[in-house]
Amino acid sequence: MHFGDDRTPRERAPRHVATRSRGPAPDSTQRVTLNFRPDRLAGGLPSRER
């Protein structure tokens, strides 16, 4: 998938999240757990194949 720029997905990810975020930044002393599910579909494909 090409987004019209030469940045890698890792470089594009923070802007993607920031443009969809609302409200103040969370307290940096709080821990957050993110669960990556490579078996889930995204756009009809497993997320690891996108």
PDB file of N, CA and C in Angstrom:
ATOM      1  N   MET A   1       0.847  -1.171   0.000  1.00  0.00           N
ATOM      2  CA  MET A   1       0.000   0.000   0.000  1.00  0.00           C
ATOM      3  C   MET A   1       0.895   1.237   0.000  1.00  0.00           C
ATOM      4  N   HIS A   2       0.625   2.168  -0.907  1.00  0.00           N
ATOM      5  CA  HIS A   2       1.454   3.368  -1.023  1.00  0.00           C
ATOM      6  C   HIS A   2       0.613   4.592  -0.679  1.00  0.00           C
ATOM      7  N   PHE A   3       1.142   5.468   0.148  1.00  0.00           N
ATOM      8  CA  PHE A   3       0.406   6.633   0.623  1.00  0.00           C
ATOM      9  C   PHE A   3       0.902   7.933   0.010  1.00  0.00           C
ATOM     10  N   GLY A   4       1.693   7.877  -1.060  1.00  0.00           N
ATOM     11  CA  GLY A   4       2.134   9.089  -1.726  1.00  0.00           C
ATOM     12  C   GLY A   4       3.338   9.761  -1.093  1.00  0.00           C
ATOM     13  N   ASP A   5       4.009   9.089  -0.181  1.00  0.00           N
ATOM     14  CA  ASP A   5       5.249   9.641   0.369  1.00  0.00           C
ATOM     15  C   ASP A   5       6.237   8.500   0.560  1.00  0.00           C
ATOM     16  N   ASP A   6       7.464   8.852   0.835  1.00  0.00           N
ATOM     17  CA  ASP A   6       8.518   7.852   0.938  1.00  0.00           C
ATOM     18  C   ASP A   6       8.801   7.418   2.364  1.00  0.00           C
ATOM     19  N   ARG A   7       7.982   7.866   3.305  1.00  0.00           N
ATOM     20  CA  ARG A   7       8.209   7.472   4.694  1.00  0.00           C
ATOM     21  C   ARG A   7       7.773   6.028   4.889  1.00  0.00           C
ATOM     22  N   THR A   8       8.418   5.361   5.832  1.00  0.00           N
ATOM     23  CA  THR A   8       8.057   3.979   6.149  1.00  0.00           C
ATOM     24  C   THR A   8       6.785   3.961   6.990  1.00  0.00           C
ATOM     25  N   PRO A   9       6.117   2.820   7.078  1.00  0.00           N
ATOM     26  CA  PRO A   9       4.944   2.740   7.960  1.00  0.00           C
ATOM     27  C   PRO A   9       5.270   3.149   9.396  1.00  0.00           C
ATOM     28  N   ARG A  10       6.454   2.794   9.861  1.00  0.00           N
ATOM     29  CA  ARG A  10       6.855   3.171  11.221  1.00  0.00           C
ATOM     30  C   ARG A  10       6.954   4.685  11.369  1.00  0.00           C
ATOM     31  N   GLU A  11       7.396   5.361  10.329  1.00  0.00           N
ATOM     32  CA  GLU A  11       7.500   6.820  10.364  1.00  0.00           C
ATOM     33  C   GLU A  11       6.128   7.488  10.226  1.00  0.00           C
ATOM     34  N   ARG A  12       5.211   6.858   9.491  1.00  0.00           N
ATOM     35  CA  ARG A  12       3.872   7.428   9.302  1.00  0.00           C
ATOM     36  C   ARG A  12       2.956   7.200  10.488  1.00  0.00           C
ATOM     37  N   ALA A  13       3.186   6.162  11.282  1.00  0.00           N
ATOM     38  CA  ALA A  13       2.270   5.769  12.356  1.00  0.00           C
ATOM     39  C   ALA A  13       1.984   6.883  13.371  1.00  0.00           C
ATOM     40  N   PRO A  14       2.981   7.597  13.891  1.00  0.00           N
ATOM     41  CA  PRO A  14       2.656   8.645  14.886  1.00  0.00           C
ATOM     42  C   PRO A  14       1.712   9.716  14.344  1.00  0.00           C
ATOM     43  N   ARG A  15       1.892  10.136  13.113  1.00  0.00           N
ATOM     44  CA  ARG A  15       0.980  11.139  12.535  1.00  0.00           C
ATOM     45  C   ARG A  15      -0.412  10.551  12.362  1.00  0.00           C
ATOM     46  N   HIS A  16      -0.499   9.301  11.943  1.00  0.00           N
ATOM     47  CA  HIS A  16      -1.795   8.630  11.795  1.00  0.00           C
ATOM     48  C   HIS A  16      -2.560   8.650  13.117  1.00  0.00           C
ATOM     49  N   VAL A  17      -1.887   8.299  14.186  1.00  0.00           N
ATOM     50  CA  VAL A  17      -2.527   8.288  15.510  1.00  0.00           C
ATOM     51  C   VAL A  17      -2.858   9.708  15.954  1.00  0.00           C
ATOM     52  N   ALA A  18      -1.944  10.632  15.777  1.00  0.00           N
ATOM     53  CA  ALA A  18      -2.153  12.007  16.234  1.00  0.00           C
ATOM     54  C   ALA A  18      -3.347  12.666  15.543  1.00  0.00           C
ATOM     55  N   THR A  19      -3.544  12.387  14.257  1.00  0.00           N
ATOM     56  CA  THR A  19      -4.661  13.014  13.551  1.00  0.00           C
ATOM     57  C   THR A  19      -6.005  12.455  13.973  1.00  0.00           C
ATOM     58  N   ARG A  20      -6.015  11.315  14.636  1.00  0.00           N
ATOM     59  CA  ARG A  20      -7.260  10.702  15.087  1.00  0.00           C
ATOM     60  C   ARG A  20      -7.474  10.813  16.589  1.00  0.00           C
ATOM     61  N   SER A  21      -6.542  11.431  17.274  1.00  0.00           N
ATOM     62  CA  SER A  21      -6.613  11.544  18.736  1.00  0.00           C
ATOM     63  C   SER A  21      -7.375  12.798  19.141  1.00  0.00           C
ATOM     64  N   ARG A  22      -8.043  12.703  20.290  1.00  0.00           N
ATOM     65  CA  ARG A  22      -8.784  13.840  20.834  1.00  0.00           C
ATOM     66  C   ARG A  22      -8.440  13.978  22.312  1.00  0.00           C
ATOM     67  N   GLY A  23      -8.528  15.202  22.816  1.00  0.00           N
ATOM     68  CA  GLY A  23      -8.328  15.431  24.239  1.00  0.00           C
ATOM     69  C   GLY A  23      -6.865  15.581  24.614  1.00  0.00           C
ATOM     70  N   PRO A  24      -6.639  15.754  25.914  1.00  0.00           N
ATOM     71  CA  PRO A  24      -5.265  15.962  26.385  1.00  0.00           C
ATOM     72  C   PRO A  24      -4.440  14.670  26.346  1.00  0.00           C
ATOM     73  N   ALA A  25      -3.153  14.840  26.377  1.00  0.00           N
ATOM     74  CA  ALA A  25      -2.255  13.681  26.428  1.00  0.00           C
ATOM     75  C   ALA A  25      -2.479  12.930  27.739  1.00  0.00           C
ATOM     76  N   PRO A  26      -2.353  11.617  27.717  1.00  0.00           N
ATOM     77  CA  PRO A  26      -2.525  10.853  28.956  1.00  0.00           C
ATOM     78  C   PRO A  26      -1.384  11.117  29.933  1.00  0.00           C
ATOM     79  N   ASP A  27      -1.626  10.844  31.174  1.00  0.00           N
ATOM     80  CA  ASP A  27      -0.615  10.976  32.218  1.00  0.00           C
ATOM     81  C   ASP A  27       0.546  10.036  31.900  1.00  0.00           C
ATOM     82  N   SER A  28       1.728  10.573  31.748  1.00  0.00           N
ATOM     83  CA  SER A  28       2.886   9.759  31.354  1.00  0.00           C
ATOM     84  C   SER A  28       3.340   8.795  32.443  1.00  0.00           C
ATOM     85  N   THR A  29       2.799   8.907  33.647  1.00  0.00           N
ATOM     86  CA  THR A  29       3.163   7.955  34.701  1.00  0.00           C
ATOM     87  C   THR A  29       2.280   6.703  34.662  1.00  0.00           C
ATOM     88  N   GLN A  30       1.208   6.735  33.866  1.00  0.00           N
ATOM     89  CA  GLN A  30       0.319   5.582  33.750  1.00  0.00           C
ATOM     90  C   GLN A  30       0.836   4.627  32.679  1.00  0.00           C
ATOM     91  N   ARG A  31       0.690   3.338  32.943  1.00  0.00           N
ATOM     92  CA  ARG A  31       1.115   2.333  31.978  1.00  0.00           C
ATOM     93  C   ARG A  31      -0.039   2.006  31.036  1.00  0.00           C
ATOM     94  N   VAL A  32       0.309   1.739  29.783  1.00  0.00           N
ATOM     95  CA  VAL A  32      -0.675   1.380  28.770  1.00  0.00           C
ATOM     96  C   VAL A  32      -0.237   0.078  28.123  1.00  0.00           C
ATOM     97  N   THR A  33      -1.178  -0.830  27.932  1.00  0.00           N
ATOM     98  CA  THR A  33      -0.893  -2.090  27.260  1.00  0.00           C
ATOM     99  C   THR A  33      -1.609  -2.107  25.918  1.00  0.00           C
ATOM    100  N   LEU A  34      -0.873  -2.358  24.861  1.00  0.00           N
ATOM    101  CA  LEU A  34      -1.440  -2.496  23.528  1.00  0.00           C
ATOM    102  C   LEU A  34      -1.315  -3.957  23.125  1.00  0.00           C
ATOM    103  N   ASN A  35      -2.378  -4.502  22.623  1.00  0.00           N
ATOM    104  CA  ASN A  35      -2.379  -5.899  22.196  1.00  0.00           C
ATOM    105  C   ASN A  35      -2.424  -5.963  20.679  1.00  0.00           C
ATOM    106  N   PHE A  36      -1.404  -6.531  20.097  1.00  0.00           N
ATOM    107  CA  PHE A  36      -1.322  -6.696  18.653  1.00  0.00           C
ATOM    108  C   PHE A  36      -1.860  -8.073  18.305  1.00  0.00           C
ATOM    109  N   ARG A  37      -2.846  -8.121  17.421  1.00  0.00           N
ATOM    110  CA  ARG A  37      -3.458  -9.379  17.027  1.00  0.00           C
ATOM    111  C   ARG A  37      -3.205  -9.610  15.542  1.00  0.00           C
ATOM    112  N   PRO A  38      -2.101 -10.261  15.182  1.00  0.00           N
ATOM    113  CA  PRO A  38      -1.776 -10.446  13.763  1.00  0.00           C
ATOM    114  C   PRO A  38      -2.785 -11.309  13.019  1.00  0.00           C
ATOM    115  N   ASP A  39      -3.635 -12.048  13.736  1.00  0.00           N
ATOM    116  CA  ASP A  39      -4.629 -12.889  13.079  1.00  0.00           C
ATOM    117  C   ASP A  39      -5.910 -12.133  12.730  1.00  0.00           C
ATOM    118  N   ARG A  40      -6.067 -10.891  13.195  1.00  0.00           N
ATOM    119  CA  ARG A  40      -7.265 -10.099  12.902  1.00  0.00           C
ATOM    120  C   ARG A  40      -7.173  -9.522  11.492  1.00  0.00           C
ATOM    121  N   LEU A  41      -8.323  -9.383  10.858  1.00  0.00           N
ATOM    122  CA  LEU A  41      -8.359  -8.825   9.514  1.00  0.00           C
ATOM    123  C   LEU A  41      -8.439  -7.306   9.554  1.00  0.00           C
ATOM    124  N   ALA A  42      -7.766  -6.686   8.603  1.00  0.00           N
ATOM    125  CA  ALA A  42      -7.806  -5.237   8.405  1.00  0.00           C
ATOM    126  C   ALA A  42      -7.870  -5.015   6.902  1.00  0.00           C
ATOM    127  N   GLY A  43      -8.970  -4.490   6.432  1.00  0.00           N
ATOM    128  CA  GLY A  43      -9.120  -4.317   4.987  1.00  0.00           C
ATOM    129  C   GLY A  43      -9.193  -5.636   4.250  1.00  0.00           C
ATOM    130  N   GLY A  44      -9.686  -6.679   4.919  1.00  0.00           N
ATOM    131  CA  GLY A  44      -9.818  -7.994   4.298  1.00  0.00           C
ATOM    132  C   GLY A  44      -8.562  -8.842   4.331  1.00  0.00           C
ATOM    133  N   LEU A  45      -7.485  -8.320   4.910  1.00  0.00           N
ATOM    134  CA  LEU A  45      -6.218  -9.055   4.991  1.00  0.00           C
ATOM    135  C   LEU A  45      -5.773  -9.174   6.440  1.00  0.00           C
ATOM    136  N   PRO A  46      -5.061 -10.256   6.765  1.00  0.00           N
ATOM    137  CA  PRO A  46      -4.465 -10.301   8.107  1.00  0.00           C
ATOM    138  C   PRO A  46      -3.536  -9.093   8.274  1.00  0.00           C
ATOM    139  N   SER A  47      -3.532  -8.484   9.438  1.00  0.00           N
ATOM    140  CA  SER A  47      -2.779  -7.247   9.634  1.00  0.00           C
ATOM    141  C   SER A  47      -1.294  -7.394   9.336  1.00  0.00           C
ATOM    142  N   ARG A  48      -0.740  -8.566   9.508  1.00  0.00           N
ATOM    143  CA  ARG A  48       0.687  -8.740   9.212  1.00  0.00           C
ATOM    144  C   ARG A  48       0.988  -8.727   7.712  1.00  0.00           C
ATOM    145  N   GLU A  49      -0.056  -8.830   6.870  1.00  0.00           N
ATOM    146  CA  GLU A  49       0.132  -8.818   5.411  1.00  0.00           C
ATOM    147  C   GLU A  49      -0.185  -7.465   4.790  1.00  0.00           C
ATOM    148  N   ARG A  50      -0.609  -6.509   5.588  1.00  0.00           N
ATOM    149  CA  ARG A  50      -0.964  -5.182   5.052  1.00  0.00           C
ATOM    150  C   ARG A  50       0.243  -4.317   4.904  1.00  0.00           C
TER     151      ARG A  50
END
